[in-house]
């Protein structure tokens, strides 16, 4: 579950001009990579391996492809500062909390907390 926290922060950072987005060239893809890897670690059934393994392979392929094309992502070369970092971290924490306590159960039918 700890890998999901940076995954959500990176997901929000992909759409927020921030230093996080500048350092991590493809934050959304990196977040999806962490999401799929963390789900592979805890789900060993065939359906989960196929689903999350497919996302993992696709994400690695897409990161390599984006790097070869020098793709900049949805915000282009927009640079951000400390405020963007705070927004990305706060937004990521909010999404994490929402999914932890309510959203995962509603979306997948699998509660994360007893």
PDB file of N, CA and C in Angstrom:
ATOM      1  N   UNK A   1       0.816  -1.200   0.000  1.00  0.00           N
ATOM      2  CA  UNK A   1       0.000   0.000   0.000  1.00  0.00           C
ATOM      3  C   UNK A   1       0.860   1.265   0.000  1.00  0.00           C
ATOM      4  N   UNK A   2       2.088   1.134   0.484  1.00  0.00           N
ATOM      5  CA  UNK A   2       2.956   2.318   0.522  1.00  0.00           C
ATOM      6  C   UNK A   2       3.387   2.778  -0.867  1.00  0.00           C
ATOM      7  N   UNK A   3       3.473   1.857  -1.825  1.00  0.00           N
ATOM      8  CA  UNK A   3       3.846   2.257  -3.184  1.00  0.00           C
ATOM      9  C   UNK A   3       2.758   3.087  -3.855  1.00  0.00           C
ATOM     10  N   UNK A   4       1.543   2.952  -3.366  1.00  0.00           N
ATOM     11  CA  UNK A   4       0.451   3.703  -3.969  1.00  0.00           C
ATOM     12  C   UNK A   4       0.498   5.191  -3.626  1.00  0.00           C
ATOM     13  N   UNK A   5       1.087   5.545  -2.518  1.00  0.00           N
ATOM     14  CA  UNK A   5       1.178   6.960  -2.144  1.00  0.00           C
ATOM     15  C   UNK A   5       1.987   7.764  -3.167  1.00  0.00           C
ATOM     16  N   UNK A   6       3.224   7.362  -3.500  1.00  0.00           N
ATOM     17  CA  UNK A   6       3.925   8.113  -4.545  1.00  0.00           C
ATOM     18  C   UNK A   6       3.255   7.988  -5.909  1.00  0.00           C
ATOM     19  N   UNK A   7       2.552   6.879  -6.160  1.00  0.00           N
ATOM     20  CA  UNK A   7       1.856   6.733  -7.440  1.00  0.00           C
ATOM     21  C   UNK A   7       0.794   7.821  -7.602  1.00  0.00           C
ATOM     22  N   UNK A   8       0.036   8.099  -6.537  1.00  0.00           N
ATOM     23  CA  UNK A   8      -0.992   9.137  -6.608  1.00  0.00           C
ATOM     24  C   UNK A   8      -0.378  10.529  -6.691  1.00  0.00           C
ATOM     25  N   UNK A   9       0.697  10.748  -5.975  1.00  0.00           N
ATOM     26  CA  UNK A   9       1.372  12.050  -6.045  1.00  0.00           C
ATOM     27  C   UNK A   9       1.879  12.289  -7.464  1.00  0.00           C
ATOM     28  N   UNK A  10       2.459  11.263  -8.074  1.00  0.00           N
ATOM     29  CA  UNK A  10       2.952  11.395  -9.448  1.00  0.00           C
ATOM     30  C   UNK A  10       1.806  11.599 -10.429  1.00  0.00           C
ATOM     31  N   UNK A  11       0.686  10.956 -10.182  1.00  0.00           N
ATOM     32  CA  UNK A  11      -0.477  11.132 -11.050  1.00  0.00           C
ATOM     33  C   UNK A  11      -0.938  12.585 -11.046  1.00  0.00           C
ATOM     34  N   UNK A  12      -1.014  13.189  -9.876  1.00  0.00           N
ATOM     35  CA  UNK A  12      -1.414  14.597  -9.786  1.00  0.00           C
ATOM     36  C   UNK A  12      -0.320  15.503 -10.351  1.00  0.00           C
ATOM     37  N   UNK A  13       0.935  15.149 -10.120  1.00  0.00           N
ATOM     38  CA  UNK A  13       2.057  15.964 -10.609  1.00  0.00           C
ATOM     39  C   UNK A  13       2.104  16.015 -12.129  1.00  0.00           C
ATOM     40  N   UNK A  14       1.536  15.025 -12.795  1.00  0.00           N
ATOM     41  CA  UNK A  14       1.525  15.027 -14.260  1.00  0.00           C
ATOM     42  C   UNK A  14       0.722  16.198 -14.815  1.00  0.00           C
ATOM     43  N   UNK A  15      -0.240  16.681 -14.050  1.00  0.00           N
ATOM     44  CA  UNK A  15      -1.099  17.769 -14.508  1.00  0.00           C
ATOM     45  C   UNK A  15      -0.916  19.052 -13.722  1.00  0.00           C
ATOM     46  N   UNK A  16       0.167  19.138 -12.962  1.00  0.00           N
ATOM     47  CA  UNK A  16       0.462  20.322 -12.171  1.00  0.00           C
ATOM     48  C   UNK A  16       1.885  20.777 -12.484  1.00  0.00           C
ATOM     49  N   UNK A  17       2.066  22.010 -12.944  1.00  0.00           N
ATOM     50  CA  UNK A  17       3.437  22.472 -13.138  1.00  0.00           C
ATOM     51  C   UNK A  17       4.169  22.468 -11.794  1.00  0.00           C
ATOM     52  N   UNK A  18       5.153  21.601 -11.667  1.00  0.00           N
ATOM     53  CA  UNK A  18       5.854  21.450 -10.402  1.00  0.00           C
ATOM     54  C   UNK A  18       7.273  20.959 -10.660  1.00  0.00           C
ATOM     55  N   UNK A  19       8.079  21.041  -9.622  1.00  0.00           N
ATOM     56  CA  UNK A  19       9.442  20.516  -9.730  1.00  0.00           C
ATOM     57  C   UNK A  19       9.419  18.996  -9.789  1.00  0.00           C
ATOM     58  N   UNK A  20       8.424  18.384  -9.186  1.00  0.00           N
ATOM     59  CA  UNK A  20       8.292  16.924  -9.255  1.00  0.00           C
ATOM     60  C   UNK A  20       8.139  16.506 -10.708  1.00  0.00           C
ATOM     61  N   UNK A  21       7.295  17.202 -11.430  1.00  0.00           N
ATOM     62  CA  UNK A  21       7.051  16.899 -12.841  1.00  0.00           C
ATOM     63  C   UNK A  21       8.300  17.126 -13.683  1.00  0.00           C
ATOM     64  N   UNK A  22       9.082  18.114 -13.310  1.00  0.00           N
ATOM     65  CA  UNK A  22      10.311  18.395 -14.043  1.00  0.00           C
ATOM     66  C   UNK A  22      11.350  17.311 -13.805  1.00  0.00           C
ATOM     67  N   UNK A  23      11.484  16.844 -12.564  1.00  0.00           N
ATOM     68  CA  UNK A  23      12.490  15.833 -12.227  1.00  0.00           C
ATOM     69  C   UNK A  23      12.097  14.469 -12.796  1.00  0.00           C
ATOM     70  N   UNK A  24      10.847  14.092 -12.610  1.00  0.00           N
ATOM     71  CA  UNK A  24      10.338  12.827 -13.138  1.00  0.00           C
ATOM     72  C   UNK A  24       9.772  13.162 -14.508  1.00  0.00           C
ATOM     73  N   UNK A  25      10.458  12.776 -15.551  1.00  0.00           N
ATOM     74  CA  UNK A  25      10.078  13.224 -16.896  1.00  0.00           C
ATOM     75  C   UNK A  25       8.652  12.840 -17.284  1.00  0.00           C
ATOM     76  N   UNK A  26       8.201  11.693 -16.857  1.00  0.00           N
ATOM     77  CA  UNK A  26       6.868  11.209 -17.210  1.00  0.00           C
ATOM     78  C   UNK A  26       6.157  10.729 -15.942  1.00  0.00           C
ATOM     79  N   UNK A  27       5.669  11.672 -15.134  1.00  0.00           N
ATOM     80  CA  UNK A  27       5.119  11.294 -13.836  1.00  0.00           C
ATOM     81  C   UNK A  27       3.884  10.402 -13.908  1.00  0.00           C
ATOM     82  N   UNK A  28       3.006  10.612 -14.886  1.00  0.00           N
ATOM     83  CA  UNK A  28       1.823   9.764 -14.951  1.00  0.00           C
ATOM     84  C   UNK A  28       2.222   8.324 -15.291  1.00  0.00           C
ATOM     85  N   UNK A  29       3.106   8.170 -16.246  1.00  0.00           N
ATOM     86  CA  UNK A  29       3.550   6.824 -16.604  1.00  0.00           C
ATOM     87  C   UNK A  29       4.287   6.169 -15.437  1.00  0.00           C
ATOM     88  N   UNK A  30       5.079   6.934 -14.726  1.00  0.00           N
ATOM     89  CA  UNK A  30       5.774   6.385 -13.564  1.00  0.00           C
ATOM     90  C   UNK A  30       4.781   6.007 -12.469  1.00  0.00           C
ATOM     91  N   UNK A  31       3.737   6.805 -12.293  1.00  0.00           N
ATOM     92  CA  UNK A  31       2.693   6.478 -11.334  1.00  0.00           C
ATOM     93  C   UNK A  31       1.945   5.206 -11.711  1.00  0.00           C
ATOM     94  N   UNK A  32       1.638   5.036 -13.003  1.00  0.00           N
ATOM     95  CA  UNK A  32       0.970   3.818 -13.457  1.00  0.00           C
ATOM     96  C   UNK A  32       1.895   2.616 -13.287  1.00  0.00           C
ATOM     97  N   UNK A  33       3.184   2.820 -13.512  1.00  0.00           N
ATOM     98  CA  UNK A  33       4.159   1.754 -13.296  1.00  0.00           C
ATOM     99  C   UNK A  33       4.157   1.309 -11.835  1.00  0.00           C
ATOM    100  N   UNK A  34       4.179   2.260 -10.915  1.00  0.00           N
ATOM    101  CA  UNK A  34       4.130   1.927  -9.487  1.00  0.00           C
ATOM    102  C   UNK A  34       2.806   1.260  -9.115  1.00  0.00           C
ATOM    103  N   UNK A  35       1.709   1.750  -9.681  1.00  0.00           N
ATOM    104  CA  UNK A  35       0.391   1.170  -9.421  1.00  0.00           C
ATOM    105  C   UNK A  35       0.347  -0.284  -9.866  1.00  0.00           C
ATOM    106  N   UNK A  36       0.765  -0.544 -11.091  1.00  0.00           N
ATOM    107  CA  UNK A  36       0.696  -1.909 -11.592  1.00  0.00           C
ATOM    108  C   UNK A  36       1.659  -2.827 -10.852  1.00  0.00           C
ATOM    109  N   UNK A  37       2.861  -2.349 -10.545  1.00  0.00           N
ATOM    110  CA  UNK A  37       3.827  -3.173  -9.819  1.00  0.00           C
ATOM    111  C   UNK A  37       3.331  -3.502  -8.412  1.00  0.00           C
ATOM    112  N   UNK A  38       2.770  -2.508  -7.722  1.00  0.00           N
ATOM    113  CA  UNK A  38       2.291  -2.756  -6.359  1.00  0.00           C
ATOM    114  C   UNK A  38       1.117  -3.734  -6.359  1.00  0.00           C
ATOM    115  N   UNK A  39       0.269  -3.669  -7.372  1.00  0.00           N
ATOM    116  CA  UNK A  39      -0.846  -4.608  -7.448  1.00  0.00           C
ATOM    117  C   UNK A  39      -0.371  -6.016  -7.823  1.00  0.00           C
ATOM    118  N   UNK A  40       0.688  -6.107  -8.601  1.00  0.00           N
ATOM    119  CA  UNK A  40       1.257  -7.423  -8.902  1.00  0.00           C
ATOM    120  C   UNK A  40       1.853  -8.066  -7.656  1.00  0.00           C
ATOM    121  N   UNK A  41       2.411  -7.250  -6.780  1.00  0.00           N
ATOM    122  CA  UNK A  41       3.014  -7.783  -5.557  1.00  0.00           C
ATOM    123  C   UNK A  41       1.982  -8.440  -4.638  1.00  0.00           C
ATOM    124  N   UNK A  42       0.765  -7.931  -4.611  1.00  0.00           N
ATOM    125  CA  UNK A  42      -0.227  -8.439  -3.657  1.00  0.00           C
ATOM    126  C   UNK A  42      -1.290  -9.333  -4.289  1.00  0.00           C
ATOM    127  N   UNK A  43      -1.369  -9.379  -5.610  1.00  0.00           N
ATOM    128  CA  UNK A  43      -2.372 -10.206  -6.286  1.00  0.00           C
ATOM    129  C   UNK A  43      -1.666 -11.235  -7.155  1.00  0.00           C
ATOM    130  N   UNK A  44      -1.822 -12.499  -6.822  1.00  0.00           N
ATOM    131  CA  UNK A  44      -1.116 -13.534  -7.556  1.00  0.00           C
ATOM    132  C   UNK A  44      -1.990 -14.383  -8.457  1.00  0.00           C
ATOM    133  N   UNK A  45      -3.293 -14.101  -8.515  1.00  0.00           N
ATOM    134  CA  UNK A  45      -4.148 -14.922  -9.378  1.00  0.00           C
ATOM    135  C   UNK A  45      -3.908 -14.568 -10.843  1.00  0.00           C
ATOM    136  N   UNK A  46      -4.288 -15.473 -11.732  1.00  0.00           N
ATOM    137  CA  UNK A  46      -3.990 -15.326 -13.148  1.00  0.00           C
ATOM    138  C   UNK A  46      -4.585 -14.052 -13.744  1.00  0.00           C
ATOM    139  N   UNK A  47      -5.831 -13.753 -13.403  1.00  0.00           N
ATOM    140  CA  UNK A  47      -6.473 -12.558 -13.952  1.00  0.00           C
ATOM    141  C   UNK A  47      -5.717 -11.286 -13.553  1.00  0.00           C
ATOM    142  N   UNK A  48      -5.278 -11.219 -12.305  1.00  0.00           N
ATOM    143  CA  UNK A  48      -4.532 -10.039 -11.842  1.00  0.00           C
ATOM    144  C   UNK A  48      -3.175  -9.938 -12.513  1.00  0.00           C
ATOM    145  N   UNK A  49      -2.506 -11.063 -12.675  1.00  0.00           N
ATOM    146  CA  UNK A  49      -1.193 -11.057 -13.331  1.00  0.00           C
ATOM    147  C   UNK A  49      -1.338 -10.589 -14.772  1.00  0.00           C
ATOM    148  N   UNK A  50      -2.372 -11.061 -15.456  1.00  0.00           N
ATOM    149  CA  UNK A  50      -2.589 -10.629 -16.839  1.00  0.00           C
ATOM    150  C   UNK A  50      -2.923  -9.142 -16.895  1.00  0.00           C
ATOM    151  N   UNK A  51      -3.840  -8.694 -16.042  1.00  0.00           N
ATOM    152  CA  UNK A  51      -4.258  -7.289 -16.067  1.00  0.00           C
ATOM    153  C   UNK A  51      -3.116  -6.350 -15.683  1.00  0.00           C
ATOM    154  N   UNK A  52      -2.575  -6.538 -14.481  1.00  0.00           N
ATOM    155  CA  UNK A  52      -1.557  -5.605 -13.996  1.00  0.00           C
ATOM    156  C   UNK A  52      -0.228  -5.789 -14.722  1.00  0.00           C
ATOM    157  N   UNK A  53       0.066  -7.035 -15.136  1.00  0.00           N
ATOM    158  CA  UNK A  53       1.281  -7.270 -15.927  1.00  0.00           C
ATOM    159  C   UNK A  53       1.207  -6.577 -17.271  1.00  0.00           C
ATOM    160  N   UNK A  54       0.019  -6.559 -17.882  1.00  0.00           N
ATOM    161  CA  UNK A  54      -0.160  -5.857 -19.156  1.00  0.00           C
ATOM    162  C   UNK A  54       0.063  -4.360 -18.987  1.00  0.00           C
ATOM    163  N   UNK A  55      -0.497  -3.791 -17.924  1.00  0.00           N
ATOM    164  CA  UNK A  55      -0.272  -2.369 -17.657  1.00  0.00           C
ATOM    165  C   UNK A  55       1.211  -2.085 -17.425  1.00  0.00           C
ATOM    166  N   UNK A  56       1.897  -2.959 -16.703  1.00  0.00           N
ATOM    167  CA  UNK A  56       3.316  -2.767 -16.417  1.00  0.00           C
ATOM    168  C   UNK A  56       4.139  -2.797 -17.700  1.00  0.00           C
ATOM    169  N   UNK A  57       3.899  -3.790 -18.539  1.00  0.00           N
ATOM    170  CA  UNK A  57       4.641  -3.902 -19.806  1.00  0.00           C
ATOM    171  C   UNK A  57       4.348  -2.701 -20.701  1.00  0.00           C
ATOM    172  N   UNK A  58       3.065  -2.321 -20.811  1.00  0.00           N
ATOM    173  CA  UNK A  58       2.699  -1.166 -21.619  1.00  0.00           C
ATOM    174  C   UNK A  58       3.372   0.106 -21.112  1.00  0.00           C
ATOM    175  N   UNK A  59       3.396   0.291 -19.811  1.00  0.00           N
ATOM    176  CA  UNK A  59       3.975   1.501 -19.236  1.00  0.00           C
ATOM    177  C   UNK A  59       5.473   1.576 -19.500  1.00  0.00           C
ATOM    178  N   UNK A  60       6.174   0.473 -19.322  1.00  0.00           N
ATOM    179  CA  UNK A  60       7.614   0.461 -19.608  1.00  0.00           C
ATOM    180  C   UNK A  60       7.848   0.785 -21.083  1.00  0.00           C
ATOM    181  N   UNK A  61       7.068   0.167 -21.971  1.00  0.00           N
ATOM    182  CA  UNK A  61       7.182   0.438 -23.404  1.00  0.00           C
ATOM    183  C   UNK A  61       6.911   1.915 -23.699  1.00  0.00           C
ATOM    184  N   UNK A  62       5.883   2.469 -23.089  1.00  0.00           N
ATOM    185  CA  UNK A  62       5.512   3.859 -23.341  1.00  0.00           C
ATOM    186  C   UNK A  62       6.559   4.831 -22.807  1.00  0.00           C
ATOM    187  N   UNK A  63       7.159   4.530 -21.672  1.00  0.00           N
ATOM    188  CA  UNK A  63       8.219   5.398 -21.137  1.00  0.00           C
ATOM    189  C   UNK A  63       9.415   5.409 -22.084  1.00  0.00           C
ATOM    190  N   UNK A  64       9.805   4.234 -22.563  1.00  0.00           N
ATOM    191  CA  UNK A  64      10.921   4.153 -23.510  1.00  0.00           C
ATOM    192  C   UNK A  64      10.580   4.919 -24.782  1.00  0.00           C
ATOM    193  N   UNK A  65       9.367   4.731 -25.289  1.00  0.00           N
ATOM    194  CA  UNK A  65       8.930   5.417 -26.504  1.00  0.00           C
ATOM    195  C   UNK A  65       8.897   6.933 -26.312  1.00  0.00           C
ATOM    196  N   UNK A  66       8.352   7.386 -25.188  1.00  0.00           N
ATOM    197  CA  UNK A  66       8.276   8.831 -24.922  1.00  0.00           C
ATOM    198  C   UNK A  66       9.665   9.441 -24.789  1.00  0.00           C
ATOM    199  N   UNK A  67      10.579   8.718 -24.181  1.00  0.00           N
ATOM    200  CA  UNK A  67      11.945   9.229 -24.060  1.00  0.00           C
ATOM    201  C   UNK A  67      12.631   9.317 -25.416  1.00  0.00           C
ATOM    202  N   UNK A  68      12.400   8.353 -26.285  1.00  0.00           N
ATOM    203  CA  UNK A  68      13.005   8.394 -27.620  1.00  0.00           C
ATOM    204  C   UNK A  68      12.444   9.538 -28.453  1.00  0.00           C
ATOM    205  N   UNK A  69      11.177   9.872 -28.245  1.00  0.00           N
ATOM    206  CA  UNK A  69      10.546  10.961 -28.992  1.00  0.00           C
ATOM    207  C   UNK A  69      10.730  12.315 -28.326  1.00  0.00           C
ATOM    208  N   UNK A  70      11.325  12.330 -27.146  1.00  0.00           N
ATOM    209  CA  UNK A  70      11.448  13.553 -26.346  1.00  0.00           C
ATOM    210  C   UNK A  70      10.088  14.193 -26.085  1.00  0.00           C
ATOM    211  N   UNK A  71       9.084  13.362 -25.826  1.00  0.00           N
ATOM    212  CA  UNK A  71       7.733  13.839 -25.538  1.00  0.00           C
ATOM    213  C   UNK A  71       7.722  14.559 -24.196  1.00  0.00           C
ATOM    214  N   UNK A  72       7.016  15.684 -24.142  1.00  0.00           N
ATOM    215  CA  UNK A  72       7.003  16.511 -22.940  1.00  0.00           C
ATOM    216  C   UNK A  72       5.778  16.319 -22.071  1.00  0.00           C
ATOM    217  N   UNK A  73       4.755  15.663 -22.544  1.00  0.00           N
ATOM    218  CA  UNK A  73       3.563  15.454 -21.738  1.00  0.00           C
ATOM    219  C   UNK A  73       2.531  16.536 -21.958  1.00  0.00           C
ATOM    220  N   UNK A  74       1.439  16.488 -21.202  1.00  0.00           N
ATOM    221  CA  UNK A  74       0.302  17.382 -21.455  1.00  0.00           C
ATOM    222  C   UNK A  74       0.569  18.854 -21.170  1.00  0.00           C
ATOM    223  N   UNK A  75       1.531  19.163 -20.322  1.00  0.00           N
ATOM    224  CA  UNK A  75       1.791  20.568 -19.997  1.00  0.00           C
ATOM    225  C   UNK A  75       2.959  21.153 -20.770  1.00  0.00           C
ATOM    226  N   UNK A  76       3.542  20.376 -21.675  1.00  0.00           N
ATOM    227  CA  UNK A  76       4.679  20.861 -22.431  1.00  0.00           C
ATOM    228  C   UNK A  76       5.875  21.102 -21.534  1.00  0.00           C
ATOM    229  N   UNK A  77       6.535  22.227 -21.728  1.00  0.00           N
ATOM    230  CA  UNK A  77       7.735  22.549 -20.955  1.00  0.00           C
ATOM    231  C   UNK A  77       7.430  23.471 -19.773  1.00  0.00           C
ATOM    232  N   UNK A  78       6.185  23.534 -19.352  1.00  0.00           N
ATOM    233  CA  UNK A  78       5.820  24.416 -18.234  1.00  0.00           C
ATOM    234  C   UNK A  78       6.565  23.996 -16.968  1.00  0.00           C
ATOM    235  N   UNK A  79       7.282  24.942 -16.398  1.00  0.00           N
ATOM    236  CA  UNK A  79       8.036  24.677 -15.170  1.00  0.00           C
ATOM    237  C   UNK A  79       7.234  25.180 -13.974  1.00  0.00           C
ATOM    238  N   UNK A  80       7.430  24.547 -12.865  1.00  0.00           N
ATOM    239  CA  UNK A  80       6.717  24.942 -11.660  1.00  0.00           C
ATOM    240  C   UNK A  80       7.674  25.115 -10.503  1.00  0.00           C
ATOM    241  N   UNK A  81       7.124  25.497  -9.394  1.00  0.00           N
ATOM    242  CA  UNK A  81       7.930  25.718  -8.208  1.00  0.00           C
ATOM    243  C   UNK A  81       7.369  25.002  -7.005  1.00  0.00           C
ATOM    244  N   UNK A  82       7.634  25.565  -5.849  1.00  0.00           N
ATOM    245  CA  UNK A  82       7.234  24.972  -4.589  1.00  0.00           C
ATOM    246  C   UNK A  82       5.716  24.846  -4.464  1.00  0.00           C
ATOM    247  N   UNK A  83       4.990  25.820  -4.948  1.00  0.00           N
ATOM    248  CA  UNK A  83       3.528  25.773  -4.867  1.00  0.00           C
ATOM    249  C   UNK A  83       2.995  24.573  -5.655  1.00  0.00           C
ATOM    250  N   UNK A  84       3.543  24.331  -6.824  1.00  0.00           N
ATOM    251  CA  UNK A  84       3.131  23.175  -7.611  1.00  0.00           C
ATOM    252  C   UNK A  84       3.442  21.865  -6.917  1.00  0.00           C
ATOM    253  N   UNK A  85       4.582  21.811  -6.235  1.00  0.00           N
ATOM    254  CA  UNK A  85       4.927  20.612  -5.462  1.00  0.00           C
ATOM    255  C   UNK A  85       3.923  20.377  -4.341  1.00  0.00           C
ATOM    256  N   UNK A  86       3.566  21.438  -3.641  1.00  0.00           N
ATOM    257  CA  UNK A  86       2.603  21.325  -2.538  1.00  0.00           C
ATOM    258  C   UNK A  86       1.244  20.878  -3.073  1.00  0.00           C
ATOM    259  N   UNK A  87       0.823  21.434  -4.197  1.00  0.00           N
ATOM    260  CA  UNK A  87      -0.453  21.040  -4.803  1.00  0.00           C
ATOM    261  C   UNK A  87      -0.418  19.566  -5.199  1.00  0.00           C
ATOM    262  N   UNK A  88       0.669  19.124  -5.815  1.00  0.00           N
ATOM    263  CA  UNK A  88       0.786  17.728  -6.238  1.00  0.00           C
ATOM    264  C   UNK A  88       0.769  16.784  -5.036  1.00  0.00           C
ATOM    265  N   UNK A  89       1.498  17.136  -3.990  1.00  0.00           N
ATOM    266  CA  UNK A  89       1.551  16.276  -2.806  1.00  0.00           C
ATOM    267  C   UNK A  89       0.195  16.268  -2.090  1.00  0.00           C
ATOM    268  N   UNK A  90      -0.415  17.432  -1.920  1.00  0.00           N
ATOM    269  CA  UNK A  90      -1.723  17.501  -1.249  1.00  0.00           C
ATOM    270  C   UNK A  90      -2.793  16.775  -2.060  1.00  0.00           C
ATOM    271  N   UNK A  91      -2.781  16.972  -3.362  1.00  0.00           N
ATOM    272  CA  UNK A  91      -3.748  16.282  -4.213  1.00  0.00           C
ATOM    273  C   UNK A  91      -3.540  14.777  -4.205  1.00  0.00           C
ATOM    274  N   UNK A  92      -2.287  14.342  -4.237  1.00  0.00           N
ATOM    275  CA  UNK A  92      -1.981  12.917  -4.177  1.00  0.00           C
ATOM    276  C   UNK A  92      -2.408  12.301  -2.853  1.00  0.00           C
ATOM    277  N   UNK A  93      -2.158  13.009  -1.763  1.00  0.00           N
ATOM    278  CA  UNK A  93      -2.598  12.527  -0.445  1.00  0.00           C
ATOM    279  C   UNK A  93      -4.120  12.453  -0.355  1.00  0.00           C
ATOM    280  N   UNK A  94      -4.797  13.439  -0.924  1.00  0.00           N
ATOM    281  CA  UNK A  94      -6.260  13.439  -0.904  1.00  0.00           C
ATOM    282  C   UNK A  94      -6.814  12.258  -1.702  1.00  0.00           C
ATOM    283  N   UNK A  95      -6.262  12.019  -2.895  1.00  0.00           N
ATOM    284  CA  UNK A  95      -6.710  10.873  -3.694  1.00  0.00           C
ATOM    285  C   UNK A  95      -6.423   9.554  -2.996  1.00  0.00           C
ATOM    286  N   UNK A  96      -5.262   9.457  -2.399  1.00  0.00           N
ATOM    287  CA  UNK A  96      -4.881   8.243  -1.674  1.00  0.00           C
ATOM    288  C   UNK A  96      -5.857   7.973  -0.533  1.00  0.00           C
ATOM    289  N   UNK A  97      -6.140   9.000   0.243  1.00  0.00           N
ATOM    290  CA  UNK A  97      -7.063   8.867   1.368  1.00  0.00           C
ATOM    291  C   UNK A  97      -8.461   8.498   0.892  1.00  0.00           C
ATOM    292  N   UNK A  98      -8.918   9.146  -0.167  1.00  0.00           N
ATOM    293  CA  UNK A  98     -10.239   8.866  -0.713  1.00  0.00           C
ATOM    294  C   UNK A  98     -10.352   7.407  -1.154  1.00  0.00           C
ATOM    295  N   UNK A  99      -9.364   6.930  -1.893  1.00  0.00           N
ATOM    296  CA  UNK A  99      -9.418   5.541  -2.338  1.00  0.00           C
ATOM    297  C   UNK A  99      -9.238   4.561  -1.193  1.00  0.00           C
ATOM    298  N   UNK A 100      -8.405   4.899  -0.242  1.00  0.00           N
ATOM    299  CA  UNK A 100      -8.151   4.007   0.880  1.00  0.00           C
ATOM    300  C   UNK A 100      -9.410   3.757   1.702  1.00  0.00           C
ATOM    301  N   UNK A 101     -10.142   4.815   2.011  1.00  0.00           N
ATOM    302  CA  UNK A 101     -11.278   4.691   2.911  1.00  0.00           C
ATOM    303  C   UNK A 101     -12.619   4.451   2.219  1.00  0.00           C
ATOM    304  N   UNK A 102     -12.736   4.799   0.922  1.00  0.00           N
ATOM    305  CA  UNK A 102     -14.043   4.711   0.295  1.00  0.00           C
ATOM    306  C   UNK A 102     -13.992   4.241  -1.153  1.00  0.00           C
ATOM    307  N   UNK A 103     -13.137   4.819  -1.968  1.00  0.00           N
ATOM    308  CA  UNK A 103     -13.183   4.639  -3.413  1.00  0.00           C
ATOM    309  C   UNK A 103     -12.845   3.244  -3.910  1.00  0.00           C
ATOM    310  N   UNK A 104     -11.859   2.590  -3.311  1.00  0.00           N
ATOM    311  CA  UNK A 104     -11.466   1.269  -3.792  1.00  0.00           C
ATOM    312  C   UNK A 104     -12.626   0.287  -3.638  1.00  0.00           C
ATOM    313  N   UNK A 105     -13.323   0.362  -2.534  1.00  0.00           N
ATOM    314  CA  UNK A 105     -14.501  -0.490  -2.300  1.00  0.00           C
ATOM    315  C   UNK A 105     -15.568  -0.206  -3.349  1.00  0.00           C
ATOM    316  N   UNK A 106     -15.816   1.059  -3.635  1.00  0.00           N
ATOM    317  CA  UNK A 106     -16.859   1.431  -4.592  1.00  0.00           C
ATOM    318  C   UNK A 106     -16.473   1.058  -6.022  1.00  0.00           C
ATOM    319  N   UNK A 107     -15.217   1.231  -6.387  1.00  0.00           N
ATOM    320  CA  UNK A 107     -14.779   0.954  -7.752  1.00  0.00           C
ATOM    321  C   UNK A 107     -14.596  -0.523  -8.039  1.00  0.00           C
ATOM    322  N   UNK A 108     -14.022  -1.261  -7.101  1.00  0.00           N
ATOM    323  CA  UNK A 108     -13.639  -2.646  -7.373  1.00  0.00           C
ATOM    324  C   UNK A 108     -14.399  -3.663  -6.546  1.00  0.00           C
ATOM    325  N   UNK A 109     -15.054  -3.228  -5.482  1.00  0.00           N
ATOM    326  CA  UNK A 109     -15.735  -4.152  -4.604  1.00  0.00           C
ATOM    327  C   UNK A 109     -14.806  -4.791  -3.579  1.00  0.00           C
ATOM    328  N   UNK A 110     -13.555  -4.387  -3.566  1.00  0.00           N
ATOM    329  CA  UNK A 110     -12.563  -4.935  -2.639  1.00  0.00           C
ATOM    330  C   UNK A 110     -12.209  -3.866  -1.623  1.00  0.00           C
ATOM    331  N   UNK A 111     -12.578  -4.061  -0.351  1.00  0.00           N
ATOM    332  CA  UNK A 111     -12.209  -3.070   0.665  1.00  0.00           C
ATOM    333  C   UNK A 111     -10.724  -3.171   1.007  1.00  0.00           C
ATOM    334  N   UNK A 112     -10.106  -2.047   1.237  1.00  0.00           N
ATOM    335  CA  UNK A 112      -8.688  -2.047   1.589  1.00  0.00           C
ATOM    336  C   UNK A 112      -8.489  -2.113   3.096  1.00  0.00           C
ATOM    337  N   UNK A 113      -9.441  -1.618   3.838  1.00  0.00           N
ATOM    338  CA  UNK A 113      -9.364  -1.638   5.295  1.00  0.00           C
ATOM    339  C   UNK A 113     -10.507  -2.461   5.857  1.00  0.00           C
ATOM    340  N   UNK A 114     -10.252  -3.209   6.932  1.00  0.00           N
ATOM    341  CA  UNK A 114     -11.319  -4.026   7.514  1.00  0.00           C
ATOM    342  C   UNK A 114     -12.413  -3.189   8.162  1.00  0.00           C
TER     343      UNK A 114
END
